[in-house]
Amino acid sequence: MEDVWIMDSGCSRHMTGHRKWFSSLNLISTKEYITFGDNGQGKVMGVGSVSLSAKLSLREVAFVRNLGFNLVSVSQLLDEGFEVRFKKGACCVLDAEEALVFRDDLTSVSGPERCLFASPSADIWKWYRRLGHLSFDLLVRLSSMGLIRGLPKLRAENDLVCHPCRHGKMVAASHIPVSQVMTSYPGELLHMDTVGPARVASVSGKWYVLIVVDDFSRFSWVFFMEFKDEAFGFVRDLVLRLRNESHKAMRAIRSDNGGEFKNSRFENFCRDLGLEHQFSSPYTPP
């Protein structure tokens, strides 16, 4: 079977185990494997080009160790813009102008029965890395739409896991989580943060939102702002009002390190009222 190329409609890519066929070959060091029908595996040693005829050159052909057959992937030919027609006793490959570029006379080959099977996992891992670690489900859907030239039809196994992505999404807590309220009464500590700019302005033309949350009761106040630097005025008015309404002293306010909070106006205001201005870790909810 060394000199015979088999037109395979179930193979996801062109592949051969015989180096002599390659007109150009780039050896690769990545760990990519093709699974055979007997559950054996052959390592992909390189990728290159093979000329089947004067008019047809196969690209992206995998050089697979221990593969005793030469396989032409029908799906890869279709993805590259060729048309494949099966007729009685022959298989014809035509280009975009419907000119014949290759003809394979289908004849019976006597010999031991073989089961040719190429696992799709190697292909999907290759395209997964090429497209920047796109999700496997989205990659399979994208391949079925035929929008990317050269992207074969892919299938994903259920147990595919990208360990670098899994490790990259792990985060370490920047502080010890607080599981209980540490304050003793409402108004003792206020958390505050701003949101915006929004994609669409509010009815009154506001682009930002100031949110203030009481640590003890979780009661919240929401203020709409046209600019972020309006936060000081809203916080000042709220703090003064709460001090007049409550007989217990407010001890601190807590915000992030945003410029709308970390400025001289806030620091002078807190110093005059005897408030502690605490700063939280980035991206930490109140």
Protein backbone atom coordinates (compact mmCIF):
# COMPACT_ATOMS: atom_id res chain seq x y z
CA MET A 1 0.00 0.00 0.00
CA GLU A 2 3.04 2.27 -0.02
CA ASP A 3 2.40 3.49 -3.58
CA VAL A 4 -1.40 3.75 -3.32
CA TRP A 5 -3.30 6.82 -2.13
CA ILE A 6 -6.73 6.09 -0.64
CA MET A 7 -9.55 8.63 -1.01
CA ASP A 8 -10.98 8.69 2.52
CA SER A 9 -14.22 10.55 3.24
CA GLY A 10 -13.90 9.87 6.98
CA CYS A 11 -10.37 11.16 7.41
CA SER A 12 -10.09 14.71 8.75
CA ARG A 13 -6.73 15.49 7.09
CA HIS A 14 -4.26 14.19 4.51
CA MET A 15 -1.63 11.87 6.00
CA THR A 16 1.04 9.37 5.07
CA GLY A 17 3.74 7.35 6.76
CA HIS A 18 6.15 7.48 3.82
CA ARG A 19 8.56 10.39 3.68
CA LYS A 20 9.45 9.87 0.03
CA TRP A 21 6.15 11.43 -1.08
CA PHE A 22 6.90 14.90 0.30
CA SER A 23 8.11 17.64 -1.98
CA SER A 24 8.54 19.82 1.11
CA LEU A 25 8.40 18.81 4.77
CA ASN A 26 8.62 20.78 7.99
CA LEU A 27 9.47 18.63 11.00
CA ILE A 28 7.61 19.56 14.19
CA SER A 29 8.35 18.97 17.86
CA THR A 30 4.82 19.32 19.26
CA LYS A 31 3.19 16.23 20.77
CA GLU A 32 0.46 15.44 18.24
CA TYR A 33 -0.75 11.89 17.66
CA ILE A 34 -3.03 10.05 15.24
CA THR A 35 -5.02 7.11 16.63
CA PHE A 36 -5.33 4.01 14.42
CA GLY A 37 -8.20 1.53 14.27
CA ASP A 38 -6.43 -0.93 16.57
CA ASN A 39 -6.09 1.84 19.20
CA GLY A 40 -2.42 2.19 18.38
CA GLN A 41 -1.00 5.66 17.90
CA GLY A 42 1.41 7.28 15.50
CA LYS A 43 3.19 10.50 16.27
CA VAL A 44 2.91 13.35 13.77
CA MET A 45 6.54 13.96 12.84
CA GLY A 46 5.97 16.80 10.41
CA VAL A 47 3.67 18.59 7.98
CA GLY A 48 4.35 19.25 4.32
CA SER A 49 3.21 19.14 0.70
CA VAL A 50 2.69 16.15 -1.59
CA SER A 51 2.17 16.29 -5.37
CA LEU A 52 -0.35 13.71 -6.54
CA SER A 53 -0.35 14.99 -10.11
CA ALA A 54 0.91 17.90 -12.16
CA LYS A 55 -2.23 19.87 -11.24
CA LEU A 56 -2.93 18.69 -7.69
CA SER A 57 -0.64 19.34 -4.76
CA LEU A 58 -1.83 18.35 -1.31
CA ARG A 59 -1.05 20.85 1.44
CA GLU A 60 -0.91 20.35 5.20
CA VAL A 61 -0.17 16.63 4.80
CA ALA A 62 0.75 14.98 8.09
CA PHE A 63 3.82 12.75 8.18
CA VAL A 64 2.75 10.08 10.71
CA ARG A 65 5.15 7.56 12.14
CA ASN A 66 4.10 3.89 11.75
CA LEU A 67 1.25 4.72 9.35
CA GLY A 68 1.35 2.15 6.55
CA PHE A 69 -1.18 3.90 4.29
CA ASN A 70 -1.47 7.09 2.26
CA LEU A 71 -4.77 8.84 2.95
CA VAL A 72 -6.36 11.70 1.00
CA SER A 73 -8.94 13.54 3.10
CA VAL A 74 -12.04 14.33 1.05
CA SER A 75 -13.18 16.92 3.61
CA GLN A 76 -9.84 18.73 3.43
CA LEU A 77 -10.05 18.85 -0.38
CA LEU A 78 -13.53 20.35 -0.13
CA ASP A 79 -12.34 22.92 2.41
CA GLU A 80 -9.59 23.96 0.00
CA GLY A 81 -12.13 24.68 -2.75
CA PHE A 82 -11.93 21.46 -4.76
CA GLU A 83 -14.89 19.34 -5.80
CA VAL A 84 -14.80 15.56 -5.39
CA ARG A 85 -17.05 13.38 -7.55
CA PHE A 86 -17.43 9.65 -7.12
CA LYS A 87 -18.47 7.78 -10.24
CA LYS A 88 -18.65 4.13 -11.09
CA GLY A 89 -15.09 2.88 -10.95
CA ALA A 90 -13.47 6.29 -10.49
CA CYS A 91 -13.08 9.29 -8.21
CA CYS A 92 -12.48 12.68 -9.83
CA VAL A 93 -11.11 15.84 -8.21
CA LEU A 94 -12.01 19.13 -9.93
CA ASP A 95 -10.82 22.68 -9.26
CA ALA A 96 -12.98 25.81 -8.94
CA GLU A 97 -13.33 26.02 -12.75
CA GLU A 98 -14.43 22.36 -12.79
CA ALA A 99 -11.23 21.35 -14.56
CA LEU A 100 -10.06 17.82 -13.79
CA VAL A 101 -6.91 17.91 -11.65
CA PHE A 102 -6.80 14.31 -10.42
CA ARG A 103 -8.47 11.00 -11.22
CA ASP A 104 -8.31 7.91 -9.06
CA ASP A 105 -9.42 4.66 -10.65
CA LEU A 106 -11.19 2.70 -7.94
CA THR A 107 -9.99 -0.89 -8.11
CA SER A 108 -10.21 -3.78 -5.69
CA VAL A 109 -7.06 -4.32 -3.67
CA SER A 110 -6.61 -7.79 -2.29
CA GLY A 111 -4.95 -8.23 1.07
CA PRO A 112 -5.68 -8.44 4.77
CA GLU A 113 -8.63 -6.49 6.09
CA ARG A 114 -7.73 -3.15 7.59
CA CYS A 115 -9.65 -0.58 9.58
CA LEU A 116 -8.40 2.97 9.03
CA PHE A 117 -9.35 5.42 11.74
CA ALA A 118 -7.94 8.87 12.48
CA SER A 119 -8.81 10.47 15.80
CA PRO A 120 -10.12 14.05 15.53
CA SER A 121 -8.51 15.01 18.84
CA ALA A 122 -5.16 15.86 17.24
CA ASP A 123 -6.77 18.22 14.72
CA ILE A 124 -8.93 20.00 17.25
CA TRP A 125 -5.97 20.58 19.55
CA LYS A 126 -4.00 22.07 16.65
CA TRP A 127 -6.78 24.52 15.75
CA TYR A 128 -7.49 25.18 19.41
CA ARG A 129 -3.95 26.52 19.79
CA ARG A 130 -3.99 28.35 16.47
CA LEU A 131 -7.16 30.29 17.35
CA GLY A 132 -5.95 31.40 20.76
CA HIS A 133 -7.51 28.70 22.97
CA LEU A 134 -11.05 29.20 21.71
CA SER A 135 -13.59 27.03 23.51
CA PHE A 136 -13.93 23.53 22.05
CA ASP A 137 -17.71 23.80 21.56
CA LEU A 138 -17.38 27.10 19.71
CA LEU A 139 -14.53 25.70 17.62
CA VAL A 140 -16.66 22.72 16.53
CA ARG A 141 -19.58 25.01 15.61
CA LEU A 142 -17.24 27.32 13.71
CA SER A 143 -15.79 24.42 11.72
CA SER A 144 -19.28 23.24 10.74
CA MET A 145 -20.14 26.67 9.28
CA GLY A 146 -17.32 26.62 6.72
CA LEU A 147 -16.31 30.25 7.28
CA ILE A 148 -12.55 29.70 7.68
CA ARG A 149 -10.54 28.47 4.72
CA GLY A 150 -8.55 25.37 5.56
CA LEU A 151 -10.43 24.65 8.79
CA PRO A 152 -11.60 21.01 8.59
CA LYS A 153 -14.72 19.58 10.16
CA LEU A 154 -13.86 18.98 13.79
CA ARG A 155 -15.33 16.83 16.54
CA ALA A 156 -14.58 17.28 20.24
CA GLU A 157 -14.46 14.51 22.79
CA ASN A 158 -16.25 15.08 26.08
CA ASP A 159 -13.14 14.89 28.24
CA LEU A 160 -10.94 17.48 26.50
CA VAL A 161 -9.31 19.72 29.10
CA CYS A 162 -6.76 22.48 28.51
CA HIS A 163 -4.64 22.49 31.65
CA PRO A 164 -2.91 25.86 30.98
CA CYS A 165 -6.34 27.50 30.60
CA ARG A 166 -7.56 25.83 33.78
CA HIS A 167 -4.50 27.01 35.69
CA GLY A 168 -4.73 30.50 34.21
CA LYS A 169 -8.28 30.94 35.48
CA MET A 170 -7.33 29.98 39.02
CA VAL A 171 -6.99 32.97 41.31
CA ALA A 172 -5.66 33.32 44.81
CA ALA A 173 -7.59 35.37 47.33
CA SER A 174 -5.93 38.69 48.03
CA HIS A 175 -7.23 38.65 51.60
CA ILE A 176 -8.83 36.32 54.10
CA PRO A 177 -12.59 36.15 53.36
CA VAL A 178 -14.83 37.74 55.98
CA SER A 179 -17.77 35.44 56.68
CA GLN A 180 -19.52 37.62 59.26
CA VAL A 181 -20.37 41.29 59.74
CA MET A 182 -17.65 43.03 61.73
CA THR A 183 -19.57 46.23 62.49
CA SER A 184 -21.95 46.69 65.44
CA TYR A 185 -24.62 49.10 64.19
CA PRO A 186 -25.94 50.77 61.01
CA GLY A 187 -23.89 53.67 59.72
CA GLU A 188 -20.63 52.62 61.35
CA LEU A 189 -18.94 51.81 58.02
CA LEU A 190 -19.98 52.74 54.47
CA HIS A 191 -18.67 51.02 51.33
CA MET A 192 -18.74 52.96 48.06
CA ASP A 193 -17.81 52.52 44.43
CA THR A 194 -18.62 53.97 41.02
CA VAL A 195 -19.78 52.24 37.84
CA GLY A 196 -19.41 53.61 34.31
CA PRO A 197 -19.33 55.07 31.86
CA ALA A 198 -22.41 53.21 30.66
CA ARG A 199 -22.84 52.37 26.98
CA VAL A 200 -26.06 54.38 26.89
CA ALA A 201 -26.84 57.50 28.92
CA SER A 202 -29.80 57.53 31.28
CA VAL A 203 -32.98 59.47 30.53
CA SER A 204 -31.51 62.48 32.34
CA GLY A 205 -28.17 62.20 30.52
CA LYS A 206 -26.18 60.49 33.28
CA TRP A 207 -23.27 58.18 32.43
CA TYR A 208 -22.03 57.07 35.86
CA VAL A 209 -23.51 55.49 38.98
CA LEU A 210 -22.33 55.87 42.58
CA ILE A 211 -23.30 52.99 44.89
CA VAL A 212 -23.00 53.27 48.68
CA VAL A 213 -23.64 50.22 50.91
CA ASP A 214 -23.97 50.16 54.70
CA ASP A 215 -21.75 47.39 56.08
CA PHE A 216 -24.08 46.37 58.93
CA SER A 217 -27.56 46.46 57.33
CA ARG A 218 -26.52 46.16 53.64
CA PHE A 219 -28.86 49.06 52.93
CA SER A 220 -27.80 50.74 49.70
CA TRP A 221 -27.99 54.17 48.11
CA VAL A 222 -27.67 54.75 44.37
CA PHE A 223 -26.82 58.11 42.79
CA PHE A 224 -26.63 58.90 39.08
CA MET A 225 -23.84 61.20 37.91
CA GLU A 226 -22.86 62.92 34.69
CA PHE A 227 -19.17 62.89 35.70
CA LYS A 228 -17.21 60.71 38.14
CA ASP A 229 -15.91 63.68 40.13
CA GLU A 230 -19.48 64.35 41.31
CA ALA A 231 -19.04 61.44 43.73
CA PHE A 232 -17.60 63.66 46.47
CA GLY A 233 -20.68 65.87 46.63
CA PHE A 234 -23.06 62.91 46.95
CA VAL A 235 -20.91 61.19 49.59
CA ARG A 236 -20.51 64.40 51.59
CA ASP A 237 -24.25 65.10 51.64
CA LEU A 238 -25.06 61.48 52.57
CA VAL A 239 -22.52 61.34 55.40
CA LEU A 240 -23.70 64.63 56.90
CA ARG A 241 -27.35 63.54 56.70
CA LEU A 242 -26.67 60.18 58.36
CA ARG A 243 -24.68 61.86 61.14
CA ASN A 244 -27.67 64.10 61.88
CA GLU A 245 -30.18 61.23 61.74
CA SER A 246 -28.24 58.79 63.94
CA HIS A 247 -27.11 59.14 67.54
CA LYS A 248 -24.22 56.73 66.90
CA ALA A 249 -21.00 57.91 65.32
CA MET A 250 -19.90 56.98 61.83
CA ARG A 251 -16.38 55.62 62.08
CA ALA A 252 -15.12 54.98 58.53
CA ILE A 253 -15.80 54.93 54.81
CA ARG A 254 -14.24 52.38 52.47
CA SER A 255 -13.58 52.77 48.73
CA ASP A 256 -11.14 51.60 46.10
CA ASN A 257 -8.12 53.62 45.00
CA GLY A 258 -9.97 55.40 42.19
CA GLY A 259 -9.19 59.06 41.62
CA GLU A 260 -12.77 60.06 42.40
CA PHE A 261 -12.19 58.88 46.00
CA LYS A 262 -8.46 59.22 46.57
CA ASN A 263 -8.03 62.99 46.44
CA SER A 264 -7.50 65.98 48.72
CA ARG A 265 -11.20 66.84 49.00
CA PHE A 266 -12.05 63.42 50.41
CA GLU A 267 -9.03 63.39 52.72
CA ASN A 268 -9.77 66.87 54.12
CA PHE A 269 -13.45 66.00 54.59
CA CYS A 270 -12.65 62.77 56.47
CA ARG A 271 -10.04 64.50 58.62
CA ASP A 272 -12.45 67.30 59.60
CA LEU A 273 -15.13 64.78 60.66
CA GLY A 274 -12.75 62.31 62.28
CA LEU A 275 -13.54 59.55 59.76
CA GLU A 276 -11.08 56.87 58.72
CA HIS A 277 -10.84 56.50 54.95
CA GLN A 278 -10.07 52.84 54.22
CA PHE A 279 -9.02 51.53 50.79
CA SER A 280 -10.04 48.06 49.60
CA SER A 281 -8.16 45.65 47.36
CA PRO A 282 -8.94 45.96 43.62
CA TYR A 283 -12.02 44.08 42.37
CA THR A 284 -13.16 43.24 45.91
CA PRO A 285 -16.93 43.45 46.55
CA PRO A 286 -18.14 45.14 49.74
